Amino acid sequence: MHQPGVALAKNALPPVLDQVKGNDARWFAVYTNSRHEKCVARHFDERQIENFLPLYQKLYHWKKRNSVRVELPLFPNYVFVHTRPQQRTSVLAVPGVRGMVGRGQVASALPEAEIESLRTGLEVRKFEPHPYLIAGERVRIIAGSMEGMEGILLRKKNAMRVVLTLDLIRRSLAVEVDAHDVEPVISRCI
């Protein structure tokens, strides 16, 4: 399955162009096979390719068994690599790698500051995945006294501002809710 924005690795690797010229190493996102992130990171380590796989801990409860704490990728299907243009072929040759994120055959470098902030932040804060939300998107409140209400996401700051509409009286109101209390509403086409 082809993922938009991902240049797929193939047996006969076409030359991958770079937005960055020269020998400077940059951070890139590598798209992996499903549930192969840890294995890909281990292969990168064996090949001495600097990589970063952000993980978070989740507690699973099974019936008739103890609870187990597992480490899962914060960004499923992605591992970050710090590489130079000359090393692209060795990155794409790693088992489980589907491609490098970018446009067509051009891999897009990530800002160094974003990766470093994420690395240092993981050491001092608790992170967990959250659905990607965009201002203007229809969302549902999933916790608290307004659980189940739907509205439009206006903006994100420390909290999210959601506009709720009461159609019966033709009125709207804005409310700020915690980011973890909001999920995107998936529209269903008939």
N, C-alpha and C. Protein backbone atom coordinates (compact mmCIF):
# COMPACT_ATOMS: atom_id res chain seq x y z
N MET A 1 0.85 -1.18 0.00
CA MET A 1 0.00 0.00 0.00
C MET A 1 0.89 1.23 0.00
N HIS A 2 0.64 2.15 -0.89
CA HIS A 2 1.44 3.36 -1.01
C HIS A 2 0.87 4.44 -0.11
N GLN A 3 1.70 5.06 0.68
CA GLN A 3 1.33 6.14 1.58
C GLN A 3 1.66 7.45 0.89
N PRO A 4 0.68 8.40 0.76
CA PRO A 4 0.98 9.68 0.13
C PRO A 4 2.13 10.39 0.84
N GLY A 5 3.01 10.98 0.06
CA GLY A 5 4.11 11.75 0.63
C GLY A 5 5.29 10.89 1.03
N VAL A 6 5.26 9.58 0.69
CA VAL A 6 6.35 8.69 1.05
C VAL A 6 6.97 8.13 -0.22
N ALA A 7 8.25 8.35 -0.39
CA ALA A 7 8.97 7.79 -1.53
C ALA A 7 9.30 6.34 -1.18
N LEU A 8 8.70 5.38 -1.89
CA LEU A 8 8.86 3.98 -1.54
C LEU A 8 10.21 3.44 -1.95
N ALA A 9 10.76 2.58 -1.08
CA ALA A 9 12.01 1.90 -1.39
C ALA A 9 11.68 0.71 -2.29
N LYS A 10 12.50 0.46 -3.31
CA LYS A 10 12.29 -0.65 -4.23
C LYS A 10 13.60 -1.38 -4.41
N ASN A 11 13.54 -2.55 -5.09
CA ASN A 11 14.75 -3.32 -5.33
C ASN A 11 15.77 -2.49 -6.09
N ALA A 12 15.37 -1.88 -7.19
CA ALA A 12 16.26 -1.00 -7.95
C ALA A 12 16.01 0.41 -7.44
N LEU A 13 16.83 0.86 -6.53
CA LEU A 13 16.61 2.15 -5.89
C LEU A 13 16.95 3.30 -6.83
N PRO A 14 15.97 4.18 -7.14
CA PRO A 14 16.28 5.37 -7.91
C PRO A 14 17.04 6.34 -7.04
N PRO A 15 17.80 7.24 -7.64
CA PRO A 15 18.53 8.21 -6.82
C PRO A 15 17.54 9.10 -6.07
N VAL A 16 17.78 9.26 -4.79
CA VAL A 16 16.93 10.12 -3.96
C VAL A 16 17.58 11.48 -3.89
N LEU A 17 16.85 12.49 -4.33
CA LEU A 17 17.37 13.85 -4.30
C LEU A 17 17.19 14.43 -2.92
N ASP A 18 17.96 15.40 -2.59
CA ASP A 18 17.91 16.01 -1.27
C ASP A 18 17.67 17.50 -1.39
N GLN A 19 16.87 18.03 -0.46
CA GLN A 19 16.66 19.48 -0.42
C GLN A 19 17.88 20.18 0.15
N VAL A 20 18.72 19.44 0.86
CA VAL A 20 19.89 20.01 1.51
C VAL A 20 21.13 19.58 0.74
N LYS A 21 21.92 20.51 0.31
CA LYS A 21 23.15 20.19 -0.43
C LYS A 21 24.31 20.04 0.55
N GLY A 22 25.31 19.30 0.14
CA GLY A 22 26.51 19.17 0.96
C GLY A 22 26.47 17.94 1.82
N ASN A 23 27.38 17.90 2.78
CA ASN A 23 27.54 16.74 3.63
C ASN A 23 26.88 16.87 5.00
N ASP A 24 26.10 17.90 5.22
CA ASP A 24 25.48 18.10 6.52
C ASP A 24 24.42 17.04 6.78
N ALA A 25 24.52 16.39 7.94
CA ALA A 25 23.51 15.42 8.34
C ALA A 25 22.27 16.16 8.80
N ARG A 26 21.11 15.65 8.43
CA ARG A 26 19.82 16.24 8.80
C ARG A 26 18.90 15.13 9.29
N TRP A 27 17.84 15.50 10.00
CA TRP A 27 16.84 14.54 10.47
C TRP A 27 15.78 14.33 9.40
N PHE A 28 15.43 13.07 9.18
CA PHE A 28 14.39 12.70 8.23
C PHE A 28 13.45 11.69 8.88
N ALA A 29 12.20 11.70 8.45
CA ALA A 29 11.23 10.70 8.92
C ALA A 29 11.25 9.54 7.94
N VAL A 30 11.37 8.33 8.49
CA VAL A 30 11.37 7.12 7.68
C VAL A 30 10.07 6.38 7.94
N TYR A 31 9.36 6.04 6.86
CA TYR A 31 8.10 5.31 6.95
C TYR A 31 8.40 3.82 6.96
N THR A 32 7.84 3.09 7.95
CA THR A 32 8.15 1.67 8.11
C THR A 32 6.92 0.81 7.86
N ASN A 33 7.15 -0.49 7.73
CA ASN A 33 6.04 -1.43 7.71
C ASN A 33 5.32 -1.36 9.05
N SER A 34 4.06 -1.71 9.06
CA SER A 34 3.26 -1.66 10.28
C SER A 34 3.88 -2.53 11.37
N ARG A 35 4.02 -1.97 12.55
CA ARG A 35 4.53 -2.63 13.74
C ARG A 35 5.97 -3.13 13.60
N HIS A 36 6.75 -2.47 12.78
CA HIS A 36 8.15 -2.82 12.61
C HIS A 36 9.11 -1.72 13.09
N GLU A 37 8.59 -0.73 13.79
CA GLU A 37 9.40 0.41 14.18
C GLU A 37 10.60 0.01 15.04
N LYS A 38 10.38 -0.81 16.06
CA LYS A 38 11.48 -1.21 16.95
C LYS A 38 12.51 -2.05 16.20
N CYS A 39 12.06 -2.93 15.33
CA CYS A 39 12.97 -3.76 14.55
C CYS A 39 13.80 -2.90 13.60
N VAL A 40 13.17 -1.92 12.96
CA VAL A 40 13.89 -1.01 12.06
C VAL A 40 14.92 -0.21 12.85
N ALA A 41 14.54 0.29 14.03
CA ALA A 41 15.48 1.06 14.86
C ALA A 41 16.67 0.18 15.27
N ARG A 42 16.41 -1.09 15.57
CA ARG A 42 17.50 -2.02 15.92
C ARG A 42 18.44 -2.22 14.73
N HIS A 43 17.87 -2.36 13.51
CA HIS A 43 18.70 -2.48 12.31
C HIS A 43 19.54 -1.22 12.08
N PHE A 44 18.95 -0.05 12.33
CA PHE A 44 19.71 1.20 12.20
C PHE A 44 20.87 1.20 13.19
N ASP A 45 20.62 0.77 14.42
CA ASP A 45 21.69 0.70 15.43
C ASP A 45 22.81 -0.22 14.97
N GLU A 46 22.45 -1.39 14.44
CA GLU A 46 23.45 -2.35 13.96
C GLU A 46 24.29 -1.77 12.83
N ARG A 47 23.68 -0.93 12.00
CA ARG A 47 24.38 -0.32 10.87
C ARG A 47 25.00 1.03 11.24
N GLN A 48 24.93 1.37 12.52
CA GLN A 48 25.48 2.62 13.05
C GLN A 48 24.90 3.85 12.36
N ILE A 49 23.60 3.81 12.10
CA ILE A 49 22.86 4.95 11.56
C ILE A 49 22.12 5.58 12.73
N GLU A 50 22.44 6.83 13.05
CA GLU A 50 21.80 7.50 14.18
C GLU A 50 20.29 7.58 13.93
N ASN A 51 19.53 7.16 14.94
CA ASN A 51 18.07 7.17 14.79
C ASN A 51 17.41 7.53 16.11
N PHE A 52 16.12 7.83 16.02
CA PHE A 52 15.34 8.22 17.19
C PHE A 52 13.95 7.64 17.03
N LEU A 53 13.57 6.78 17.96
CA LEU A 53 12.23 6.19 17.98
C LEU A 53 11.57 6.59 19.29
N PRO A 54 10.72 7.64 19.27
CA PRO A 54 10.06 8.05 20.51
C PRO A 54 9.02 7.01 20.92
N LEU A 55 9.10 6.58 22.19
CA LEU A 55 8.19 5.57 22.73
C LEU A 55 7.41 6.15 23.90
N TYR A 56 6.24 5.58 24.16
CA TYR A 56 5.47 5.92 25.35
C TYR A 56 5.02 4.61 25.98
N GLN A 57 4.68 4.66 27.26
CA GLN A 57 4.25 3.45 27.96
C GLN A 57 2.74 3.42 28.09
N LYS A 58 2.19 2.22 27.90
CA LYS A 58 0.75 2.02 28.02
C LYS A 58 0.53 0.78 28.86
N LEU A 59 -0.45 0.85 29.75
CA LEU A 59 -0.78 -0.27 30.62
C LEU A 59 -1.93 -1.05 30.00
N TYR A 60 -1.70 -2.33 29.73
CA TYR A 60 -2.73 -3.20 29.17
C TYR A 60 -3.25 -4.13 30.25
N HIS A 61 -4.58 -4.32 30.29
CA HIS A 61 -5.22 -5.24 31.23
C HIS A 61 -5.85 -6.37 30.43
N TRP A 62 -5.44 -7.61 30.73
CA TRP A 62 -6.05 -8.76 30.07
C TRP A 62 -6.89 -9.52 31.08
N LYS A 63 -7.96 -10.12 30.60
CA LYS A 63 -8.79 -10.93 31.47
C LYS A 63 -7.97 -12.10 32.00
N LYS A 64 -8.14 -12.39 33.26
CA LYS A 64 -7.48 -13.51 33.93
C LYS A 64 -5.96 -13.41 33.91
N ARG A 65 -5.42 -12.25 33.65
CA ARG A 65 -3.97 -12.07 33.67
C ARG A 65 -3.63 -10.77 34.37
N ASN A 66 -2.37 -10.63 34.68
CA ASN A 66 -1.89 -9.40 35.29
C ASN A 66 -1.85 -8.28 34.27
N SER A 67 -1.75 -7.08 34.78
CA SER A 67 -1.56 -5.93 33.91
C SER A 67 -0.12 -5.91 33.42
N VAL A 68 0.06 -5.49 32.18
CA VAL A 68 1.39 -5.44 31.59
C VAL A 68 1.62 -4.05 31.02
N ARG A 69 2.78 -3.48 31.32
CA ARG A 69 3.15 -2.17 30.78
C ARG A 69 4.01 -2.42 29.54
N VAL A 70 3.57 -1.85 28.41
CA VAL A 70 4.30 -2.03 27.15
C VAL A 70 4.75 -0.67 26.62
N GLU A 71 5.84 -0.69 25.86
CA GLU A 71 6.32 0.53 25.21
C GLU A 71 5.88 0.48 23.75
N LEU A 72 5.19 1.53 23.31
CA LEU A 72 4.68 1.62 21.95
C LEU A 72 5.24 2.87 21.27
N PRO A 73 5.36 2.85 19.95
CA PRO A 73 5.83 4.04 19.23
C PRO A 73 4.85 5.20 19.39
N LEU A 74 5.38 6.38 19.67
CA LEU A 74 4.56 7.58 19.78
C LEU A 74 3.97 7.94 18.41
N PHE A 75 4.73 7.66 17.35
CA PHE A 75 4.29 7.90 15.98
C PHE A 75 4.31 6.57 15.23
N PRO A 76 3.20 5.81 15.25
CA PRO A 76 3.20 4.51 14.59
C PRO A 76 3.65 4.61 13.13
N ASN A 77 4.48 3.67 12.71
CA ASN A 77 5.02 3.55 11.35
C ASN A 77 6.14 4.53 11.03
N TYR A 78 6.67 5.25 12.01
CA TYR A 78 7.73 6.21 11.73
C TYR A 78 8.91 6.07 12.68
N VAL A 79 10.11 6.18 12.12
CA VAL A 79 11.36 6.27 12.87
C VAL A 79 12.11 7.46 12.28
N PHE A 80 12.79 8.23 13.10
CA PHE A 80 13.56 9.37 12.62
C PHE A 80 15.02 8.99 12.49
N VAL A 81 15.66 9.40 11.39
CA VAL A 81 17.09 9.12 11.19
C VAL A 81 17.82 10.42 10.97
N HIS A 82 19.06 10.45 11.45
CA HIS A 82 19.95 11.59 11.27
C HIS A 82 21.01 11.13 10.29
N THR A 83 20.94 11.63 9.05
CA THR A 83 21.79 11.10 8.00
C THR A 83 22.23 12.17 7.02
N ARG A 84 23.25 11.83 6.26
CA ARG A 84 23.73 12.68 5.17
C ARG A 84 23.19 12.13 3.86
N PRO A 85 23.17 12.94 2.81
CA PRO A 85 22.65 12.48 1.52
C PRO A 85 23.31 11.19 1.03
N GLN A 86 24.60 11.00 1.29
CA GLN A 86 25.30 9.81 0.81
C GLN A 86 24.80 8.53 1.48
N GLN A 87 24.16 8.64 2.63
CA GLN A 87 23.72 7.46 3.38
C GLN A 87 22.28 7.05 3.06
N ARG A 88 21.59 7.75 2.18
CA ARG A 88 20.20 7.46 1.89
C ARG A 88 19.97 6.03 1.44
N THR A 89 20.84 5.53 0.58
CA THR A 89 20.68 4.18 0.06
C THR A 89 20.76 3.16 1.18
N SER A 90 21.66 3.36 2.14
CA SER A 90 21.77 2.42 3.26
C SER A 90 20.55 2.51 4.18
N VAL A 91 19.92 3.66 4.28
CA VAL A 91 18.69 3.80 5.07
C VAL A 91 17.56 3.04 4.39
N LEU A 92 17.41 3.22 3.08
CA LEU A 92 16.33 2.56 2.35
C LEU A 92 16.53 1.05 2.22
N ALA A 93 17.74 0.57 2.41
CA ALA A 93 18.04 -0.86 2.30
C ALA A 93 17.72 -1.63 3.58
N VAL A 94 17.39 -0.96 4.65
CA VAL A 94 17.10 -1.63 5.93
C VAL A 94 15.76 -2.37 5.82
N PRO A 95 15.73 -3.64 6.24
CA PRO A 95 14.47 -4.39 6.20
C PRO A 95 13.38 -3.69 7.02
N GLY A 96 12.19 -3.60 6.46
CA GLY A 96 11.07 -2.96 7.13
C GLY A 96 10.88 -1.50 6.77
N VAL A 97 11.84 -0.89 6.07
CA VAL A 97 11.72 0.51 5.66
C VAL A 97 10.95 0.57 4.35
N ARG A 98 9.89 1.38 4.32
CA ARG A 98 9.09 1.57 3.11
C ARG A 98 9.60 2.75 2.30
N GLY A 99 10.11 3.77 2.97
CA GLY A 99 10.60 4.95 2.27
C GLY A 99 10.88 6.08 3.22
N MET A 100 11.32 7.19 2.63
CA MET A 100 11.58 8.40 3.41
C MET A 100 10.49 9.41 3.07
N VAL A 101 10.00 10.08 4.08
CA VAL A 101 8.89 11.01 3.89
C VAL A 101 9.36 12.24 3.13
N GLY A 102 8.58 12.61 2.14
CA GLY A 102 8.90 13.77 1.32
C GLY A 102 7.92 13.88 0.17
N ARG A 103 8.35 14.54 -0.88
CA ARG A 103 7.52 14.71 -2.08
C ARG A 103 8.17 13.96 -3.22
N GLY A 104 7.50 12.91 -3.71
CA GLY A 104 8.06 12.11 -4.78
C GLY A 104 9.36 11.48 -4.33
N GLN A 105 10.43 11.73 -5.07
CA GLN A 105 11.73 11.18 -4.74
C GLN A 105 12.58 12.13 -3.89
N VAL A 106 12.00 13.24 -3.45
CA VAL A 106 12.72 14.23 -2.65
C VAL A 106 12.33 14.06 -1.18
N ALA A 107 13.29 13.63 -0.37
CA ALA A 107 13.05 13.49 1.06
C ALA A 107 13.11 14.86 1.71
N SER A 108 12.17 15.12 2.60
CA SER A 108 12.10 16.42 3.28
C SER A 108 12.75 16.34 4.66
N ALA A 109 13.71 17.22 4.89
CA ALA A 109 14.39 17.28 6.18
C ALA A 109 13.48 17.92 7.22
N LEU A 110 13.59 17.42 8.45
CA LEU A 110 12.83 17.97 9.57
C LEU A 110 13.68 19.01 10.29
N PRO A 111 13.05 20.02 10.89
CA PRO A 111 13.82 21.01 11.65
C PRO A 111 14.53 20.35 12.83
N GLU A 112 15.81 20.61 12.95
CA GLU A 112 16.64 20.06 14.04
C GLU A 112 16.04 20.40 15.40
N ALA A 113 15.52 21.62 15.54
CA ALA A 113 14.97 22.07 16.83
C ALA A 113 13.75 21.24 17.24
N GLU A 114 12.92 20.82 16.29
CA GLU A 114 11.75 20.01 16.61
C GLU A 114 12.15 18.66 17.18
N ILE A 115 13.12 18.01 16.56
CA ILE A 115 13.57 16.70 17.03
C ILE A 115 14.23 16.83 18.40
N GLU A 116 15.07 17.84 18.58
CA GLU A 116 15.73 18.02 19.87
C GLU A 116 14.73 18.35 20.97
N SER A 117 13.71 19.16 20.67
CA SER A 117 12.68 19.46 21.66
C SER A 117 11.92 18.20 22.05
N LEU A 118 11.62 17.37 21.07
CA LEU A 118 10.92 16.12 21.34
C LEU A 118 11.79 15.19 22.19
N ARG A 119 13.06 15.09 21.86
CA ARG A 119 13.98 14.22 22.62
C ARG A 119 14.09 14.66 24.08
N THR A 120 14.29 15.95 24.30
CA THR A 120 14.43 16.43 25.68
C THR A 120 13.09 16.41 26.41
N GLY A 121 12.01 16.69 25.70
CA GLY A 121 10.68 16.68 26.32
C GLY A 121 10.27 15.30 26.79
N LEU A 122 10.65 14.26 26.05
CA LEU A 122 10.30 12.90 26.45
C LEU A 122 10.94 12.50 27.76
N GLU A 123 12.07 13.12 28.08
CA GLU A 123 12.77 12.80 29.33
C GLU A 123 12.09 13.40 30.55
N VAL A 124 11.36 14.50 30.37
CA VAL A 124 10.80 15.19 31.53
C VAL A 124 9.28 15.20 31.58
N ARG A 125 8.62 14.84 30.50
CA ARG A 125 7.16 14.87 30.47
C ARG A 125 6.60 13.55 29.98
N LYS A 126 5.31 13.35 30.27
CA LYS A 126 4.62 12.15 29.81
C LYS A 126 3.90 12.50 28.50
N PHE A 127 4.19 11.74 27.45
CA PHE A 127 3.56 11.93 26.16
C PHE A 127 2.71 10.73 25.82
N GLU A 128 1.69 10.94 25.01
CA GLU A 128 0.90 9.85 24.44
C GLU A 128 0.30 10.34 23.13
N PRO A 129 0.00 9.43 22.22
CA PRO A 129 -0.55 9.86 20.92
C PRO A 129 -1.90 10.54 21.08
N HIS A 130 -2.22 11.41 20.14
CA HIS A 130 -3.51 12.10 20.12
C HIS A 130 -3.89 12.28 18.66
N PRO A 131 -5.17 12.15 18.33
CA PRO A 131 -5.57 12.35 16.93
C PRO A 131 -5.17 13.72 16.42
N TYR A 132 -4.78 13.78 15.17
CA TYR A 132 -4.39 15.04 14.54
C TYR A 132 -5.62 15.89 14.35
N LEU A 133 -5.61 17.11 14.88
CA LEU A 133 -6.75 18.01 14.80
C LEU A 133 -6.36 19.28 14.06
N ILE A 134 -7.29 19.78 13.26
CA ILE A 134 -7.07 20.98 12.46
C ILE A 134 -8.17 21.98 12.78
N ALA A 135 -7.80 23.26 12.91
CA ALA A 135 -8.81 24.30 13.13
C ALA A 135 -9.82 24.25 11.99
N GLY A 136 -11.10 24.33 12.34
CA GLY A 136 -12.17 24.25 11.36
C GLY A 136 -12.75 22.85 11.24
N GLU A 137 -12.12 21.88 11.88
CA GLU A 137 -12.56 20.49 11.82
C GLU A 137 -13.70 20.24 12.81
N ARG A 138 -14.61 19.34 12.46
CA ARG A 138 -15.69 18.96 13.35
C ARG A 138 -15.13 17.99 14.39
N VAL A 139 -15.39 18.26 15.69
CA VAL A 139 -14.86 17.44 16.78
C VAL A 139 -15.98 17.07 17.76
N ARG A 140 -15.70 16.06 18.58
CA ARG A 140 -16.63 15.60 19.61
C ARG A 140 -15.92 15.67 20.95
N ILE A 141 -16.62 16.15 21.98
CA ILE A 141 -16.08 16.18 23.33
C ILE A 141 -16.30 14.79 23.92
N ILE A 142 -15.23 14.17 24.45
CA ILE A 142 -15.32 12.77 24.90
C ILE A 142 -15.24 12.60 26.41
N ALA A 143 -15.12 13.69 27.15
CA ALA A 143 -15.06 13.58 28.61
C ALA A 143 -15.60 14.85 29.24
N GLY A 144 -16.03 14.72 30.47
CA GLY A 144 -16.51 15.89 31.20
C GLY A 144 -18.01 16.06 31.09
N SER A 145 -18.50 17.18 31.58
CA SER A 145 -19.94 17.42 31.63
C SER A 145 -20.58 17.59 30.25
N MET A 146 -19.76 17.91 29.23
CA MET A 146 -20.31 18.09 27.88
C MET A 146 -20.00 16.91 26.96
N GLU A 147 -19.71 15.77 27.55
CA GLU A 147 -19.37 14.57 26.79
C GLU A 147 -20.46 14.26 25.75
N GLY A 148 -20.02 13.98 24.53
CA GLY A 148 -20.93 13.62 23.45
C GLY A 148 -21.32 14.79 22.56
N MET A 149 -21.12 16.03 23.02
CA MET A 149 -21.47 17.19 22.20
C MET A 149 -20.45 17.37 21.09
N GLU A 150 -20.92 17.82 19.95
CA GLU A 150 -20.06 18.04 18.80
C GLU A 150 -20.03 19.51 18.44
N GLY A 151 -18.91 19.94 17.87
CA GLY A 151 -18.76 21.32 17.46
C GLY A 151 -17.60 21.47 16.51
N ILE A 152 -17.21 22.71 16.25
CA ILE A 152 -16.13 23.03 15.33
C ILE A 152 -14.93 23.54 16.14
N LEU A 153 -13.77 23.00 15.86
CA LEU A 153 -12.54 23.43 16.53
C LEU A 153 -12.13 24.78 15.96
N LEU A 154 -12.00 25.80 16.84
CA LEU A 154 -11.61 27.13 16.39
C LEU A 154 -10.11 27.31 16.38
N ARG A 155 -9.48 27.03 17.50
CA ARG A 155 -8.04 27.21 17.59
C ARG A 155 -7.49 26.34 18.70
N LYS A 156 -6.18 26.18 18.67
CA LYS A 156 -5.51 25.43 19.73
C LYS A 156 -4.54 26.36 20.43
N LYS A 157 -4.55 26.34 21.73
CA LYS A 157 -3.58 27.05 22.56
C LYS A 157 -3.19 26.06 23.63
N ASN A 158 -3.24 26.46 24.88
CA ASN A 158 -3.05 25.52 25.97
C ASN A 158 -4.26 24.60 26.08
N ALA A 159 -5.41 25.14 25.74
CA ALA A 159 -6.65 24.36 25.69
C ALA A 159 -7.23 24.55 24.30
N MET A 160 -8.22 23.76 23.98
CA MET A 160 -8.86 23.86 22.67
C MET A 160 -10.17 24.61 22.82
N ARG A 161 -10.42 25.50 21.90
CA ARG A 161 -11.68 26.24 21.90
C ARG A 161 -12.58 25.59 20.86
N VAL A 162 -13.74 25.13 21.32
CA VAL A 162 -14.70 24.45 20.45
C VAL A 162 -15.98 25.27 20.44
N VAL A 163 -16.51 25.49 19.25
CA VAL A 163 -17.79 26.18 19.11
C VAL A 163 -18.89 25.12 19.03
N LEU A 164 -19.80 25.16 20.01
CA LEU A 164 -20.93 24.23 20.03
C LEU A 164 -22.16 24.98 19.56
N THR A 165 -22.97 24.31 18.76
CA THR A 165 -24.17 24.94 18.22
C THR A 165 -25.41 24.20 18.69
N LEU A 166 -26.37 24.96 19.20
CA LEU A 166 -27.67 24.41 19.58
C LEU A 166 -28.64 24.78 18.46
N ASP A 167 -28.86 23.84 17.54
CA ASP A 167 -29.66 24.12 16.36
C ASP A 167 -31.10 24.52 16.69
N LEU A 168 -31.67 23.91 17.72
CA LEU A 168 -33.06 24.17 18.06
C LEU A 168 -33.31 25.64 18.36
N ILE A 169 -32.38 26.30 19.05
CA ILE A 169 -32.58 27.71 19.36
C ILE A 169 -31.69 28.61 18.51
N ARG A 170 -30.98 28.01 17.56
CA ARG A 170 -30.14 28.74 16.63
C ARG A 170 -29.13 29.65 17.34
N ARG A 171 -28.41 29.05 18.28
CA ARG A 171 -27.40 29.77 19.03
C ARG A 171 -26.14 28.92 19.11
N SER A 172 -24.99 29.61 19.24
CA SER A 172 -23.71 28.92 19.39
C SER A 172 -22.99 29.47 20.59
N LEU A 173 -22.09 28.69 21.14
CA LEU A 173 -21.27 29.13 22.25
C LEU A 173 -19.89 28.53 22.09
N ALA A 174 -18.90 29.23 22.60
CA ALA A 174 -17.52 28.74 22.56
C ALA A 174 -17.14 28.26 23.94
N VAL A 175 -16.44 27.14 23.99
CA VAL A 175 -16.01 26.57 25.26
C VAL A 175 -14.57 26.08 25.10
N GLU A 176 -13.78 26.27 26.15
CA GLU A 176 -12.41 25.75 26.11
C GLU A 176 -12.38 24.43 26.84
N VAL A 177 -11.78 23.44 26.18
CA VAL A 177 -11.67 22.10 26.75
C VAL A 177 -10.24 21.62 26.64
N ASP A 178 -9.89 20.64 27.45
CA ASP A 178 -8.55 20.07 27.42
C ASP A 178 -8.36 19.30 26.12
N ALA A 179 -7.17 19.29 25.60
CA ALA A 179 -6.87 18.62 24.33
C ALA A 179 -7.21 17.14 24.36
N HIS A 180 -7.07 16.49 25.51
CA HIS A 180 -7.35 15.06 25.61
C HIS A 180 -8.84 14.76 25.66
N ASP A 181 -9.66 15.78 25.80
CA ASP A 181 -11.10 15.59 25.88
C ASP A 181 -11.80 15.80 24.55
N VAL A 182 -11.02 15.87 23.45
CA VAL A 182 -11.58 16.14 22.13
C VAL A 182 -11.06 15.10 21.14
N GLU A 183 -11.96 14.63 20.26
CA GLU A 183 -11.56 13.73 19.18
C GLU A 183 -12.21 14.19 17.88
N PRO A 184 -11.58 13.91 16.74
CA PRO A 184 -12.20 14.30 15.48
C PRO A 184 -13.44 13.46 15.21
N VAL A 185 -14.43 14.07 14.57
CA VAL A 185 -15.64 13.34 14.16
C VAL A 185 -15.38 12.84 12.76
N ILE A 186 -15.51 11.54 12.58
CA ILE A 186 -15.29 10.95 11.28
C ILE A 186 -16.60 10.97 10.52
N SER A 187 -16.60 11.67 9.38
CA SER A 187 -17.83 11.75 8.58
C SER A 187 -18.00 10.45 7.80
N ARG A 188 -19.22 10.01 7.67
CA ARG A 188 -19.52 8.77 6.97
C ARG A 188 -20.26 9.11 5.67
N CYS A 189 -19.70 8.66 4.58
CA CYS A 189 -20.34 8.87 3.29
C CYS A 189 -21.27 7.70 3.00
N ILE A 190 -22.46 7.99 2.51
CA ILE A 190 -23.42 6.92 2.18
C ILE A 190 -23.47 6.74 0.70
